Amino acid sequence: MAAAAAAKIAEVRETTRVERIGAHSHIRGLGLDDSLEARHVSQGMVGQVSARRAVGIVLHMVREGRIAGRAVLLAGQPGTGKTAIATALAHALGQDTPFTSMAGSEIYSLEMSKTEAITQAIRKSIGVRIKEESEIIEGEVVEVSIDRPATGVGTKVGKLILKTTDMETVYDLGGKMIDSILKEKVQSGDVITIDKATGKITRLGRSFARARDYDATGQQTRFVQCPEGELQKRKEVVHTVTLHEIDVINSRTHGFLALFSGDTGEIKPEVREQINGKVAEWREEGKAEIIPGVLFIDEVTFFFLI
């Protein structure tokens, strides 16, 4: 009885460690070895050895640029792992690989044509990695202090001390920066970057100098070196978006806020042509690259009714 209880506890701990929060959130890849043979249990996948090996061949061809824009038919009863294999393929292609899942019945809509529904799904599955240079402040937080009015009403003031291996500077904080620091929970010992154009704060991790502190740290805590050189520097920033997101931003008067409304409607072909031309221009200049993604269409038999 005690052994059974111990095994049950170990199983719960393992489930918590991989942070499974959805039906397929535990999947991290196809679970293949170097020879494209499927392991029985690996990377969140169990069984379906033949199917995973077949998809592994497709994965190998995609990585070598030998196949793109092709359809792969996965047939099987509900619950046999079709969606899981498609999810695993997207994870195996890379962290930024777009993955779109839809049912065949979703193309029948009163809000848009069938062609538009399929086009949007395809463009959601094509990523664009955009590279640009921006001015940032990067350093290790020595001290952060925020003074609040005793009455609770009024402007908050504060200061932030950042350092690198070569210098140390004190910054006075305004209300917007204080709100960002509180939101990101920045504390002494964190290594952060501040985008000078937008004021966005990004935590890169904890300094190695604080690795022996007695602060409680979780398994996900990342330790990094204290930055070198000047605090202010120019750095290449990479953004990954999908073609559909660019379509929505450029086709609505509210810009990027349209992404949060959920109701995109039909997008004019002229807008897509302009975006395709601009993305092609960025690729030639080396500012962007295309990331092929995975579009999974369930209940594909509905397509035969079109």
Protein backbone atom coordinates (compact mmCIF):
# COMPACT_ATOMS: atom_id res chain seq x y z
CA MET A 1 0.00 0.00 0.00
CA ALA A 2 2.83 2.40 0.92
CA ALA A 3 4.66 1.63 -2.35
CA ALA A 4 1.52 2.34 -4.37
CA ALA A 5 1.04 5.66 -2.57
CA ALA A 6 4.67 6.63 -3.24
CA ALA A 7 4.29 5.81 -6.94
CA LYS A 8 1.14 7.93 -7.12
CA ILE A 9 2.87 10.90 -5.48
CA ALA A 10 5.83 10.60 -7.87
CA GLU A 11 3.45 10.61 -10.83
CA VAL A 12 1.77 13.83 -9.63
CA ARG A 13 5.14 15.52 -9.17
CA GLU A 14 6.18 14.58 -12.70
CA THR A 15 2.97 16.04 -14.14
CA THR A 16 3.57 19.28 -12.25
CA ARG A 17 7.17 19.51 -13.43
CA VAL A 18 6.30 19.51 -17.14
CA GLU A 19 3.58 22.12 -16.45
CA ARG A 20 0.77 20.44 -18.34
CA ILE A 21 -1.99 23.05 -18.58
CA GLY A 22 -3.86 21.81 -21.66
CA ALA A 23 -4.59 18.72 -23.71
CA HIS A 24 -1.29 18.95 -25.61
CA SER A 25 0.73 21.47 -23.60
CA HIS A 26 3.09 18.73 -22.37
CA ILE A 27 4.28 17.88 -25.91
CA ARG A 28 7.78 19.13 -26.73
CA GLY A 29 8.56 17.27 -29.96
CA LEU A 30 8.08 14.08 -31.97
CA GLY A 31 10.29 12.00 -29.68
CA LEU A 32 12.69 10.80 -32.41
CA ASP A 33 16.34 9.81 -32.17
CA ASP A 34 19.08 10.90 -34.59
CA SER A 35 18.13 8.17 -37.08
CA LEU A 36 14.48 9.36 -37.10
CA GLU A 37 13.35 6.28 -35.18
CA ALA A 38 10.54 7.01 -32.73
CA ARG A 39 11.09 6.27 -29.05
CA HIS A 40 8.06 4.66 -27.44
CA VAL A 41 7.83 7.36 -24.75
CA SER A 42 9.65 10.63 -25.37
CA GLN A 43 9.03 14.41 -25.38
CA GLY A 44 5.45 13.93 -24.22
CA MET A 45 4.57 11.48 -27.00
CA VAL A 46 3.49 7.88 -26.34
CA GLY A 47 2.94 5.18 -28.98
CA GLN A 48 2.04 5.83 -32.65
CA VAL A 49 5.62 4.88 -33.52
CA SER A 50 5.04 4.38 -37.26
CA ALA A 51 3.10 7.63 -37.69
CA ARG A 52 5.70 9.65 -35.78
CA ARG A 53 8.51 8.17 -37.85
CA ALA A 54 6.66 9.07 -41.07
CA VAL A 55 6.13 12.65 -39.88
CA GLY A 56 9.80 12.71 -38.87
CA ILE A 57 10.72 12.20 -42.53
CA VAL A 58 8.52 15.18 -43.42
CA LEU A 59 10.26 17.18 -40.67
CA HIS A 60 13.68 16.30 -42.12
CA MET A 61 12.60 17.40 -45.61
CA VAL A 62 11.20 20.70 -44.30
CA ARG A 63 14.44 21.47 -42.46
CA GLU A 64 16.45 20.86 -45.63
CA GLY A 65 14.11 23.04 -47.68
CA ARG A 66 12.97 20.18 -49.91
CA ILE A 67 9.27 20.47 -49.13
CA ALA A 68 6.96 23.39 -48.33
CA GLY A 69 3.30 24.20 -48.81
CA ARG A 70 2.36 20.53 -49.07
CA ALA A 71 -0.51 18.71 -47.37
CA VAL A 72 -0.02 15.61 -45.22
CA LEU A 73 -3.12 13.50 -44.56
CA LEU A 74 -3.41 11.98 -41.07
CA ALA A 75 -6.23 9.43 -40.89
CA GLY A 76 -7.57 7.79 -37.76
CA GLN A 77 -10.36 7.53 -35.25
CA PRO A 78 -10.94 10.35 -32.72
CA GLY A 79 -8.41 10.23 -29.91
CA THR A 80 -5.69 8.38 -31.82
CA GLY A 81 -3.22 11.29 -31.71
CA LYS A 82 -3.64 13.25 -34.95
CA THR A 83 -3.67 16.65 -33.24
CA ALA A 84 -0.84 15.58 -30.93
CA ILE A 85 1.39 14.65 -33.88
CA ALA A 86 0.68 17.97 -35.62
CA THR A 87 1.50 19.85 -32.41
CA ALA A 88 4.70 17.82 -32.00
CA LEU A 89 5.75 18.67 -35.57
CA ALA A 90 5.39 22.40 -34.87
CA HIS A 91 7.48 22.11 -31.68
CA ALA A 92 10.14 20.10 -33.50
CA LEU A 93 10.47 22.82 -36.17
CA GLY A 94 11.43 25.41 -33.56
CA GLN A 95 10.20 27.60 -30.74
CA ASP A 96 8.87 30.42 -32.96
CA THR A 97 7.13 28.11 -35.43
CA PRO A 98 3.48 29.21 -35.85
CA PHE A 99 0.88 26.52 -35.22
CA THR A 100 -2.76 26.99 -36.25
CA SER A 101 -5.48 24.47 -35.47
CA MET A 102 -8.96 24.68 -36.94
CA ALA A 103 -11.89 22.42 -37.75
CA GLY A 104 -13.12 22.00 -41.30
CA SER A 105 -16.54 23.25 -40.23
CA GLU A 106 -15.05 26.66 -39.30
CA ILE A 107 -14.80 27.69 -42.95
CA TYR A 108 -18.61 27.91 -43.08
CA SER A 109 -19.20 31.39 -41.68
CA LEU A 110 -21.67 34.21 -42.25
CA GLU A 111 -18.94 36.79 -41.61
CA MET A 112 -16.50 35.86 -44.39
CA SER A 113 -16.20 33.74 -47.49
CA LYS A 114 -14.70 30.25 -47.47
CA THR A 115 -11.69 31.48 -49.46
CA GLU A 116 -11.05 34.24 -46.91
CA ALA A 117 -11.31 31.82 -43.98
CA ILE A 118 -8.75 29.46 -45.52
CA THR A 119 -6.47 32.36 -46.53
CA GLN A 120 -6.46 33.74 -42.99
CA ALA A 121 -5.67 30.30 -41.56
CA ILE A 122 -2.74 29.89 -43.96
CA ARG A 123 -1.32 33.34 -43.18
CA LYS A 124 -1.67 32.66 -39.44
CA SER A 125 0.68 29.72 -40.06
CA ILE A 126 3.43 31.77 -41.74
CA GLY A 127 5.72 33.65 -39.39
CA VAL A 128 7.96 36.63 -40.08
CA ARG A 129 11.03 37.14 -37.90
CA ILE A 130 11.83 40.87 -38.07
CA LYS A 131 15.22 42.20 -36.97
CA GLU A 132 15.81 45.82 -36.02
CA GLU A 133 18.26 47.84 -33.97
CA SER A 134 17.11 49.87 -30.99
CA GLU A 135 18.76 51.85 -28.20
CA ILE A 136 18.54 50.12 -24.84
CA ILE A 137 19.86 50.42 -21.30
CA GLU A 138 21.16 47.08 -20.02
CA GLY A 139 22.56 46.40 -16.59
CA GLU A 140 22.29 44.71 -13.22
CA VAL A 141 19.96 46.29 -10.66
CA VAL A 142 21.94 47.43 -7.63
CA GLU A 143 19.04 49.15 -5.89
CA VAL A 144 15.47 50.13 -6.68
CA SER A 145 13.57 52.40 -4.31
CA ILE A 146 10.07 53.83 -4.69
CA ASP A 147 8.63 56.52 -2.42
CA ARG A 148 4.86 56.66 -2.08
CA PRO A 149 3.02 59.64 -0.56
CA ALA A 150 1.97 59.01 3.04
CA THR A 151 -1.60 59.99 2.18
CA GLY A 152 -1.72 57.51 -0.69
CA VAL A 153 -2.60 60.33 -3.10
CA GLY A 154 -0.05 62.01 -5.34
CA THR A 155 2.82 61.25 -7.65
CA LYS A 156 5.14 58.36 -6.86
CA VAL A 157 8.86 59.01 -7.21
CA GLY A 158 11.80 56.65 -7.17
CA LYS A 159 15.31 55.89 -8.28
CA LEU A 160 17.01 52.98 -9.99
CA ILE A 161 20.72 52.17 -9.73
CA LEU A 162 22.11 50.05 -12.57
CA LYS A 163 25.63 48.80 -13.10
CA THR A 164 27.80 46.91 -15.54
CA THR A 165 31.26 45.52 -14.94
CA ASP A 166 32.66 48.94 -15.95
CA MET A 167 30.26 51.59 -14.62
CA GLU A 168 27.32 52.43 -12.35
CA THR A 169 24.59 55.06 -12.83
CA VAL A 170 21.58 56.38 -10.90
CA TYR A 171 18.32 57.00 -12.81
CA ASP A 172 15.35 59.02 -11.54
CA LEU A 173 12.07 57.23 -12.19
CA GLY A 174 8.81 58.73 -13.38
CA GLY A 175 5.33 57.34 -12.86
CA LYS A 176 5.31 55.25 -16.05
CA MET A 177 8.65 53.60 -15.29
CA ILE A 178 7.62 52.92 -11.70
CA ASP A 179 4.49 51.14 -12.91
CA SER A 180 6.59 49.04 -15.32
CA ILE A 181 9.04 48.09 -12.56
CA LEU A 182 6.23 47.08 -10.22
CA LYS A 183 4.55 45.08 -12.99
CA GLU A 184 7.75 43.17 -13.84
CA LYS A 185 8.57 42.75 -10.11
CA VAL A 186 12.11 44.03 -10.63
CA GLN A 187 14.34 43.68 -7.59
CA SER A 188 17.96 44.04 -6.62
CA GLY A 189 20.13 41.46 -8.39
CA ASP A 190 18.02 41.27 -11.57
CA VAL A 191 19.64 41.88 -14.95
CA ILE A 192 17.24 43.97 -17.04
CA THR A 193 17.00 45.86 -20.32
CA ILE A 194 15.04 49.08 -20.84
CA ASP A 195 13.98 50.07 -24.35
CA LYS A 196 14.62 53.82 -24.56
CA ALA A 197 11.98 54.33 -27.25
CA THR A 198 9.08 52.57 -25.52
CA GLY A 199 10.22 52.30 -21.89
CA LYS A 200 9.55 48.56 -21.93
CA ILE A 201 11.42 46.65 -19.22
CA THR A 202 12.56 43.07 -19.83
CA ARG A 203 14.02 40.83 -17.15
CA LEU A 204 16.89 38.74 -18.55
CA GLY A 205 17.46 36.80 -15.32
CA ARG A 206 19.27 36.93 -11.99
CA SER A 207 22.92 37.88 -11.74
CA PHE A 208 25.38 35.05 -11.05
CA ALA A 209 26.69 37.19 -8.19
CA ARG A 210 23.37 36.54 -6.43
CA ALA A 211 23.36 32.79 -7.06
CA ARG A 212 24.42 32.07 -3.47
CA ASP A 213 21.87 34.37 -1.87
CA TYR A 214 19.30 32.85 0.43
CA ASP A 215 16.38 34.11 -1.66
CA ALA A 216 13.92 31.41 -2.68
CA THR A 217 14.39 30.55 -6.37
CA GLY A 218 12.41 28.14 -8.51
CA GLN A 219 13.54 25.70 -11.18
CA GLN A 220 12.75 28.24 -13.89
CA THR A 221 15.11 30.90 -12.46
CA ARG A 222 17.74 31.86 -15.02
CA PHE A 223 21.15 33.17 -13.98
CA VAL A 224 23.11 35.45 -16.33
CA GLN A 225 26.38 37.35 -16.26
CA CYS A 226 26.52 41.02 -15.33
CA PRO A 227 26.68 43.01 -18.61
CA GLU A 228 29.97 44.52 -19.74
CA GLY A 229 30.84 47.94 -21.15
CA GLU A 230 28.49 50.92 -21.32
CA LEU A 231 24.98 50.88 -19.88
CA GLN A 232 23.50 52.48 -23.00
CA LYS A 233 24.04 50.52 -26.19
CA ARG A 234 22.49 49.63 -29.52
CA LYS A 235 21.24 46.08 -29.74
CA GLU A 236 19.49 43.99 -32.35
CA VAL A 237 15.93 43.21 -31.31
CA VAL A 238 14.01 40.34 -32.91
CA HIS A 239 10.21 40.28 -33.17
CA THR A 240 8.27 37.29 -34.49
CA VAL A 241 4.79 37.88 -35.88
CA THR A 242 2.55 36.12 -38.39
CA LEU A 243 1.51 37.44 -41.78
CA HIS A 244 -2.09 37.52 -40.55
CA GLU A 245 -1.16 39.77 -37.62
CA ILE A 246 0.53 42.19 -40.03
CA ASP A 247 -2.59 42.03 -42.23
CA VAL A 248 -4.85 42.95 -39.31
CA ILE A 249 -2.64 45.79 -38.08
CA ASN A 250 -2.52 47.40 -41.52
CA SER A 251 -6.18 46.87 -42.43
CA ARG A 252 -7.80 48.46 -39.37
CA THR A 253 -7.91 52.09 -38.25
CA HIS A 254 -7.11 51.04 -34.67
CA GLY A 255 -3.85 49.38 -35.72
CA PHE A 256 -2.51 46.71 -33.38
CA LEU A 257 -5.49 47.14 -31.03
CA ALA A 258 -7.55 45.28 -33.63
CA LEU A 259 -5.64 42.12 -32.64
CA PHE A 260 -7.43 42.13 -29.28
CA SER A 261 -10.95 42.60 -30.63
CA GLY A 262 -11.06 39.14 -32.22
CA ASP A 263 -13.33 40.31 -35.04
CA THR A 264 -11.05 40.79 -38.04
CA GLY A 265 -13.57 40.38 -40.88
CA GLU A 266 -12.40 40.12 -44.47
CA ILE A 267 -9.11 41.72 -45.45
CA LYS A 268 -8.79 43.39 -48.85
CA PRO A 269 -6.46 41.72 -51.38
CA GLU A 270 -4.76 45.09 -51.99
CA VAL A 271 -3.62 45.18 -48.35
CA ARG A 272 -2.12 41.71 -48.59
CA GLU A 273 -0.33 42.57 -51.84
CA GLN A 274 1.29 45.60 -50.21
CA ILE A 275 2.33 43.55 -47.18
CA ASN A 276 3.76 40.76 -49.34
CA GLY A 277 5.81 43.34 -51.24
CA LYS A 278 7.07 44.95 -48.04
CA VAL A 279 8.03 41.61 -46.47
CA ALA A 280 9.86 40.64 -49.68
CA GLU A 281 11.73 43.95 -49.50
CA TRP A 282 12.71 43.28 -45.87
CA ARG A 283 13.99 39.83 -46.84
CA GLU A 284 16.21 41.26 -49.57
CA GLU A 285 17.63 43.79 -47.11
CA GLY A 286 18.27 41.07 -44.52
CA LYS A 287 15.83 42.61 -42.04
CA ALA A 288 13.38 39.69 -41.99
CA GLU A 289 13.09 35.98 -42.65
CA ILE A 290 10.11 33.73 -43.25
CA ILE A 291 9.28 31.00 -40.72
CA PRO A 292 7.14 28.22 -42.22
CA GLY A 293 4.55 26.97 -39.76
CA VAL A 294 2.01 24.18 -39.38
CA LEU A 295 -1.70 24.43 -40.22
CA PHE A 296 -3.73 21.54 -38.79
CA ILE A 297 -7.27 21.15 -40.17
CA ASP A 298 -9.45 18.68 -38.29
CA GLU A 299 -12.63 17.21 -39.77
CA VAL A 300 -11.14 17.74 -43.22
CA THR A 301 -14.03 15.79 -44.79
CA PHE A 302 -16.03 19.05 -44.66
CA PHE A 303 -13.81 20.30 -47.49
CA PHE A 304 -15.42 17.83 -49.87
CA LEU A 305 -18.71 19.70 -49.42
CA ILE A 306 -17.33 22.95 -50.85
